[in-house]
Amino acid sequence: MANVTIWHNPRCSKSRNAMLLLEEKGVEADVVKYLDTPPTKEELKALLKMLGMSARELMRTKEDIYKELGLKDVEDEEKLIEAMLENPKLIERPIVIKDGKAAIGRPIEKVIELLDN
């Protein structure tokens, strides 16, 4: 199978479910605990491109830090990216990457679709 990477947060049930799915499918994925090892700006920008979405679409807008930083009113893509780099908790999860494509595992069917293609 192709190289597969998962941006994983072990404390998140959706992320744990994605890990189980990978295991059930026999996929040996590189696990990136992005809260412990945040992505670089280049990695985050590449991920956004693979996902085909804006920085805001990748953000967990219900997190307290999102509100504390006043990000709702920020329109600048670079500033939103910087906020995620400084506060990786803002990055939606889990994210599975395969062959230059990526999917957020919400719902898990998106990951299944990515793996099956």
N, C-alpha and C. Protein backbone atom coordinates (compact mmCIF):
# COMPACT_ATOMS: atom_id res chain seq x y z
N MET A 1 0.85 -1.19 0.00
CA MET A 1 0.00 0.00 0.00
C MET A 1 0.88 1.24 0.00
N ALA A 2 0.31 2.34 -0.42
CA ALA A 2 1.01 3.61 -0.51
C ALA A 2 1.40 4.12 0.87
N ASN A 3 2.27 5.11 0.88
CA ASN A 3 2.62 5.76 2.14
C ASN A 3 1.41 6.47 2.70
N VAL A 4 1.13 6.22 3.95
CA VAL A 4 0.00 6.86 4.62
C VAL A 4 0.51 7.50 5.90
N THR A 5 0.04 8.72 6.15
CA THR A 5 0.37 9.45 7.36
C THR A 5 -0.92 9.88 8.02
N ILE A 6 -0.94 9.86 9.34
CA ILE A 6 -2.10 10.37 10.07
C ILE A 6 -1.62 11.42 11.07
N TRP A 7 -2.27 12.58 11.04
CA TRP A 7 -2.05 13.59 12.07
C TRP A 7 -3.03 13.22 13.17
N HIS A 8 -2.48 12.80 14.30
CA HIS A 8 -3.25 12.13 15.33
C HIS A 8 -3.18 12.85 16.68
N ASN A 9 -4.32 12.86 17.36
CA ASN A 9 -4.40 13.32 18.74
C ASN A 9 -5.00 12.16 19.54
N PRO A 10 -4.19 11.46 20.33
CA PRO A 10 -4.68 10.28 21.06
C PRO A 10 -5.85 10.56 22.00
N ARG A 11 -6.04 11.82 22.39
CA ARG A 11 -7.13 12.16 23.30
C ARG A 11 -8.46 12.35 22.60
N CYS A 12 -8.44 12.34 21.27
CA CYS A 12 -9.65 12.58 20.47
C CYS A 12 -10.25 11.25 20.02
N SER A 13 -11.53 11.05 20.30
CA SER A 13 -12.18 9.77 19.93
C SER A 13 -12.22 9.59 18.41
N LYS A 14 -12.45 10.65 17.65
CA LYS A 14 -12.47 10.54 16.18
C LYS A 14 -11.09 10.13 15.66
N SER A 15 -10.07 10.67 16.28
CA SER A 15 -8.70 10.34 15.88
C SER A 15 -8.38 8.88 16.24
N ARG A 16 -8.80 8.45 17.41
CA ARG A 16 -8.60 7.04 17.80
C ARG A 16 -9.37 6.11 16.86
N ASN A 17 -10.57 6.50 16.46
CA ASN A 17 -11.35 5.69 15.52
C ASN A 17 -10.63 5.57 14.17
N ALA A 18 -10.03 6.66 13.73
CA ALA A 18 -9.28 6.63 12.46
C ALA A 18 -8.09 5.69 12.58
N MET A 19 -7.42 5.70 13.73
CA MET A 19 -6.29 4.80 13.95
C MET A 19 -6.77 3.34 13.90
N LEU A 20 -7.92 3.06 14.52
CA LEU A 20 -8.48 1.71 14.48
C LEU A 20 -8.81 1.29 13.05
N LEU A 21 -9.37 2.20 12.29
CA LEU A 21 -9.70 1.92 10.90
C LEU A 21 -8.44 1.54 10.12
N LEU A 22 -7.39 2.31 10.29
CA LEU A 22 -6.13 2.01 9.61
C LEU A 22 -5.62 0.63 10.00
N GLU A 23 -5.71 0.35 11.29
CA GLU A 23 -5.26 -0.96 11.78
C GLU A 23 -6.10 -2.08 11.17
N GLU A 24 -7.43 -1.90 11.15
CA GLU A 24 -8.32 -2.93 10.60
C GLU A 24 -8.05 -3.18 9.12
N LYS A 25 -7.65 -2.13 8.41
CA LYS A 25 -7.36 -2.26 6.98
C LYS A 25 -5.92 -2.70 6.72
N GLY A 26 -5.17 -2.92 7.80
CA GLY A 26 -3.80 -3.36 7.65
C GLY A 26 -2.86 -2.29 7.13
N VAL A 27 -3.22 -1.04 7.35
CA VAL A 27 -2.41 0.08 6.88
C VAL A 27 -1.40 0.47 7.96
N GLU A 28 -0.13 0.43 7.60
CA GLU A 28 0.90 0.90 8.51
C GLU A 28 1.17 2.36 8.20
N ALA A 29 0.63 3.22 9.05
CA ALA A 29 0.74 4.65 8.82
C ALA A 29 1.82 5.27 9.68
N ASP A 30 2.43 6.31 9.14
CA ASP A 30 3.31 7.15 9.96
C ASP A 30 2.39 7.99 10.82
N VAL A 31 2.60 7.95 12.12
CA VAL A 31 1.74 8.68 13.05
C VAL A 31 2.45 9.96 13.48
N VAL A 32 1.80 11.09 13.23
CA VAL A 32 2.32 12.38 13.63
C VAL A 32 1.43 12.91 14.74
N LYS A 33 1.97 12.97 15.94
CA LYS A 33 1.23 13.56 17.06
C LYS A 33 1.47 15.06 16.98
N TYR A 34 0.63 15.71 16.19
CA TYR A 34 0.86 17.10 15.81
C TYR A 34 0.78 18.08 16.98
N LEU A 35 0.19 17.68 18.10
CA LEU A 35 0.18 18.57 19.27
C LEU A 35 1.57 18.58 19.92
N ASP A 36 2.27 17.45 19.84
CA ASP A 36 3.62 17.34 20.39
C ASP A 36 4.66 17.86 19.40
N THR A 37 4.42 17.60 18.13
CA THR A 37 5.34 18.02 17.06
C THR A 37 4.54 18.79 16.02
N PRO A 38 4.32 20.09 16.28
CA PRO A 38 3.51 20.88 15.35
C PRO A 38 4.13 20.92 13.95
N PRO A 39 3.28 21.06 12.94
CA PRO A 39 3.80 21.13 11.57
C PRO A 39 4.55 22.45 11.34
N THR A 40 5.38 22.43 10.31
CA THR A 40 6.01 23.67 9.86
C THR A 40 4.98 24.43 9.02
N LYS A 41 5.29 25.67 8.74
CA LYS A 41 4.40 26.47 7.89
C LYS A 41 4.26 25.80 6.52
N GLU A 42 5.37 25.29 5.99
CA GLU A 42 5.35 24.65 4.68
C GLU A 42 4.47 23.40 4.70
N GLU A 43 4.59 22.60 5.76
CA GLU A 43 3.77 21.40 5.89
C GLU A 43 2.28 21.74 5.97
N LEU A 44 1.97 22.77 6.74
CA LEU A 44 0.57 23.16 6.90
C LEU A 44 0.00 23.69 5.59
N LYS A 45 0.78 24.49 4.88
CA LYS A 45 0.32 25.01 3.59
C LYS A 45 0.14 23.88 2.58
N ALA A 46 1.06 22.92 2.59
CA ALA A 46 0.94 21.77 1.68
C ALA A 46 -0.31 20.96 2.02
N LEU A 47 -0.58 20.80 3.30
CA LEU A 47 -1.77 20.07 3.73
C LEU A 47 -3.04 20.78 3.27
N LEU A 48 -3.09 22.09 3.44
CA LEU A 48 -4.26 22.85 2.99
C LEU A 48 -4.49 22.66 1.50
N LYS A 49 -3.40 22.64 0.74
CA LYS A 49 -3.50 22.44 -0.71
C LYS A 49 -4.05 21.04 -1.01
N MET A 50 -3.55 20.02 -0.29
CA MET A 50 -4.03 18.65 -0.50
C MET A 50 -5.52 18.53 -0.16
N LEU A 51 -5.93 19.23 0.88
CA LEU A 51 -7.32 19.18 1.32
C LEU A 51 -8.22 20.05 0.43
N GLY A 52 -7.61 21.01 -0.26
CA GLY A 52 -8.39 21.93 -1.09
C GLY A 52 -9.27 22.84 -0.25
N MET A 53 -8.71 23.32 0.86
CA MET A 53 -9.51 24.18 1.72
C MET A 53 -8.69 25.34 2.26
N SER A 54 -9.42 26.29 2.82
CA SER A 54 -8.77 27.46 3.41
C SER A 54 -8.34 27.13 4.83
N ALA A 55 -7.53 28.00 5.39
CA ALA A 55 -7.07 27.82 6.77
C ALA A 55 -8.26 27.77 7.73
N ARG A 56 -9.22 28.65 7.54
CA ARG A 56 -10.37 28.68 8.45
C ARG A 56 -11.14 27.35 8.41
N GLU A 57 -11.25 26.76 7.23
CA GLU A 57 -11.98 25.48 7.11
C GLU A 57 -11.29 24.35 7.87
N LEU A 58 -9.99 24.50 8.09
CA LEU A 58 -9.23 23.48 8.81
C LEU A 58 -9.22 23.73 10.32
N MET A 59 -9.77 24.87 10.73
CA MET A 59 -9.71 25.24 12.15
C MET A 59 -10.87 24.71 12.96
N ARG A 60 -10.54 24.39 14.20
CA ARG A 60 -11.55 23.99 15.19
C ARG A 60 -12.09 25.28 15.80
N THR A 61 -13.17 25.78 15.23
CA THR A 61 -13.70 27.09 15.62
C THR A 61 -14.42 27.09 16.97
N LYS A 62 -14.64 25.93 17.54
CA LYS A 62 -15.31 25.87 18.84
C LYS A 62 -14.32 25.82 20.01
N GLU A 63 -13.03 25.76 19.70
CA GLU A 63 -12.02 25.76 20.76
C GLU A 63 -11.99 27.13 21.46
N ASP A 64 -11.77 27.11 22.76
CA ASP A 64 -11.69 28.35 23.53
C ASP A 64 -10.63 29.29 22.98
N ILE A 65 -9.48 28.73 22.59
CA ILE A 65 -8.38 29.54 22.08
C ILE A 65 -8.78 30.30 20.82
N TYR A 66 -9.65 29.72 20.00
CA TYR A 66 -10.15 30.39 18.80
C TYR A 66 -10.86 31.68 19.19
N LYS A 67 -11.71 31.57 20.21
CA LYS A 67 -12.46 32.74 20.69
C LYS A 67 -11.53 33.73 21.38
N GLU A 68 -10.62 33.21 22.22
CA GLU A 68 -9.69 34.07 22.96
C GLU A 68 -8.83 34.91 22.02
N LEU A 69 -8.42 34.33 20.91
CA LEU A 69 -7.56 35.04 19.95
C LEU A 69 -8.36 35.93 19.00
N GLY A 70 -9.69 35.88 19.09
CA GLY A 70 -10.53 36.70 18.22
C GLY A 70 -10.39 36.34 16.75
N LEU A 71 -10.22 35.06 16.46
CA LEU A 71 -9.95 34.63 15.08
C LEU A 71 -11.18 34.71 14.17
N LYS A 72 -12.36 34.79 14.76
CA LYS A 72 -13.58 34.88 13.96
C LYS A 72 -13.54 36.07 13.00
N ASP A 73 -12.90 37.14 13.44
CA ASP A 73 -12.88 38.38 12.65
C ASP A 73 -11.63 38.51 11.78
N VAL A 74 -10.74 37.52 11.83
CA VAL A 74 -9.51 37.58 11.04
C VAL A 74 -9.77 37.02 9.64
N GLU A 75 -9.44 37.80 8.63
CA GLU A 75 -9.64 37.38 7.24
C GLU A 75 -8.33 36.96 6.58
N ASP A 76 -7.21 37.39 7.14
CA ASP A 76 -5.89 37.14 6.55
C ASP A 76 -5.50 35.67 6.70
N GLU A 77 -5.38 34.97 5.58
CA GLU A 77 -5.04 33.55 5.56
C GLU A 77 -3.73 33.27 6.30
N GLU A 78 -2.73 34.12 6.09
CA GLU A 78 -1.42 33.94 6.73
C GLU A 78 -1.55 34.02 8.25
N LYS A 79 -2.37 34.94 8.74
CA LYS A 79 -2.54 35.08 10.19
C LYS A 79 -3.26 33.86 10.77
N LEU A 80 -4.20 33.29 10.02
CA LEU A 80 -4.89 32.09 10.49
C LEU A 80 -3.92 30.90 10.52
N ILE A 81 -3.06 30.82 9.52
CA ILE A 81 -2.05 29.76 9.48
C ILE A 81 -1.10 29.92 10.67
N GLU A 82 -0.66 31.14 10.92
CA GLU A 82 0.23 31.40 12.05
C GLU A 82 -0.43 31.00 13.37
N ALA A 83 -1.72 31.29 13.50
CA ALA A 83 -2.45 30.93 14.73
C ALA A 83 -2.45 29.42 14.92
N MET A 84 -2.63 28.65 13.83
CA MET A 84 -2.61 27.19 13.94
C MET A 84 -1.21 26.67 14.27
N LEU A 85 -0.19 27.32 13.74
CA LEU A 85 1.18 26.90 14.03
C LEU A 85 1.52 27.15 15.50
N GLU A 86 1.06 28.26 16.02
CA GLU A 86 1.33 28.60 17.42
C GLU A 86 0.43 27.84 18.37
N ASN A 87 -0.75 27.42 17.89
CA ASN A 87 -1.74 26.72 18.71
C ASN A 87 -2.27 25.52 17.94
N PRO A 88 -1.47 24.44 17.82
CA PRO A 88 -1.88 23.31 16.99
C PRO A 88 -3.21 22.68 17.41
N LYS A 89 -3.67 22.98 18.61
CA LYS A 89 -4.97 22.50 19.07
C LYS A 89 -6.10 23.00 18.15
N LEU A 90 -5.82 24.07 17.42
CA LEU A 90 -6.80 24.64 16.51
C LEU A 90 -6.97 23.82 15.23
N ILE A 91 -6.05 22.91 14.96
CA ILE A 91 -6.10 22.13 13.72
C ILE A 91 -7.10 20.99 13.87
N GLU A 92 -8.02 20.91 12.92
CA GLU A 92 -9.02 19.83 12.92
C GLU A 92 -8.31 18.48 12.84
N ARG A 93 -8.96 17.47 13.37
CA ARG A 93 -8.37 16.14 13.40
C ARG A 93 -9.43 15.08 13.27
N PRO A 94 -9.03 13.89 12.95
CA PRO A 94 -7.74 13.44 12.45
C PRO A 94 -7.61 13.77 10.97
N ILE A 95 -6.39 13.83 10.51
CA ILE A 95 -6.13 14.05 9.09
C ILE A 95 -5.30 12.88 8.58
N VAL A 96 -5.77 12.26 7.52
CA VAL A 96 -5.04 11.15 6.90
C VAL A 96 -4.56 11.60 5.53
N ILE A 97 -3.30 11.32 5.25
CA ILE A 97 -2.67 11.73 3.99
C ILE A 97 -2.20 10.47 3.27
N LYS A 98 -2.54 10.41 1.96
CA LYS A 98 -2.12 9.27 1.13
C LYS A 98 -1.90 9.76 -0.30
N ASP A 99 -0.76 9.47 -0.85
CA ASP A 99 -0.46 9.79 -2.26
C ASP A 99 -0.76 11.24 -2.63
N GLY A 100 -0.36 12.17 -1.80
CA GLY A 100 -0.55 13.58 -2.13
C GLY A 100 -1.97 14.08 -1.97
N LYS A 101 -2.82 13.25 -1.38
CA LYS A 101 -4.20 13.67 -1.11
C LYS A 101 -4.43 13.52 0.38
N ALA A 102 -5.40 14.26 0.90
CA ALA A 102 -5.67 14.20 2.33
C ALA A 102 -7.16 14.27 2.59
N ALA A 103 -7.53 13.78 3.78
CA ALA A 103 -8.93 13.83 4.20
C ALA A 103 -8.98 14.01 5.71
N ILE A 104 -9.93 14.80 6.14
CA ILE A 104 -10.21 14.94 7.57
C ILE A 104 -11.20 13.84 7.91
N GLY A 105 -10.94 13.13 8.99
CA GLY A 105 -11.77 11.99 9.36
C GLY A 105 -13.06 12.34 10.06
N ARG A 106 -13.75 13.33 9.59
CA ARG A 106 -15.05 13.75 10.11
C ARG A 106 -15.95 13.98 8.91
N PRO A 107 -16.74 13.04 8.54
CA PRO A 107 -16.93 11.71 9.11
C PRO A 107 -15.83 10.74 8.65
N ILE A 108 -15.75 9.61 9.32
CA ILE A 108 -14.72 8.60 9.05
C ILE A 108 -14.80 8.08 7.61
N GLU A 109 -15.98 8.18 7.00
CA GLU A 109 -16.15 7.73 5.61
C GLU A 109 -15.20 8.45 4.66
N LYS A 110 -14.82 9.67 5.00
CA LYS A 110 -13.88 10.41 4.15
C LYS A 110 -12.51 9.72 4.12
N VAL A 111 -12.13 9.16 5.25
CA VAL A 111 -10.85 8.44 5.32
C VAL A 111 -10.97 7.12 4.54
N ILE A 112 -12.09 6.45 4.69
CA ILE A 112 -12.30 5.19 3.96
C ILE A 112 -12.21 5.44 2.46
N GLU A 113 -12.86 6.49 2.00
CA GLU A 113 -12.83 6.86 0.58
C GLU A 113 -11.40 7.14 0.12
N LEU A 114 -10.64 7.87 0.92
CA LEU A 114 -9.24 8.19 0.58
C LEU A 114 -8.41 6.91 0.47
N LEU A 115 -8.59 6.01 1.42
CA LEU A 115 -7.80 4.77 1.43
C LEU A 115 -8.18 3.85 0.28
N ASP A 116 -9.44 3.85 -0.09
CA ASP A 116 -9.91 2.95 -1.14
C ASP A 116 -9.58 3.43 -2.55
N ASN A 117 -9.16 4.66 -2.68
CA ASN A 117 -8.82 5.20 -4.02
C ASN A 117 -7.34 5.13 -4.28
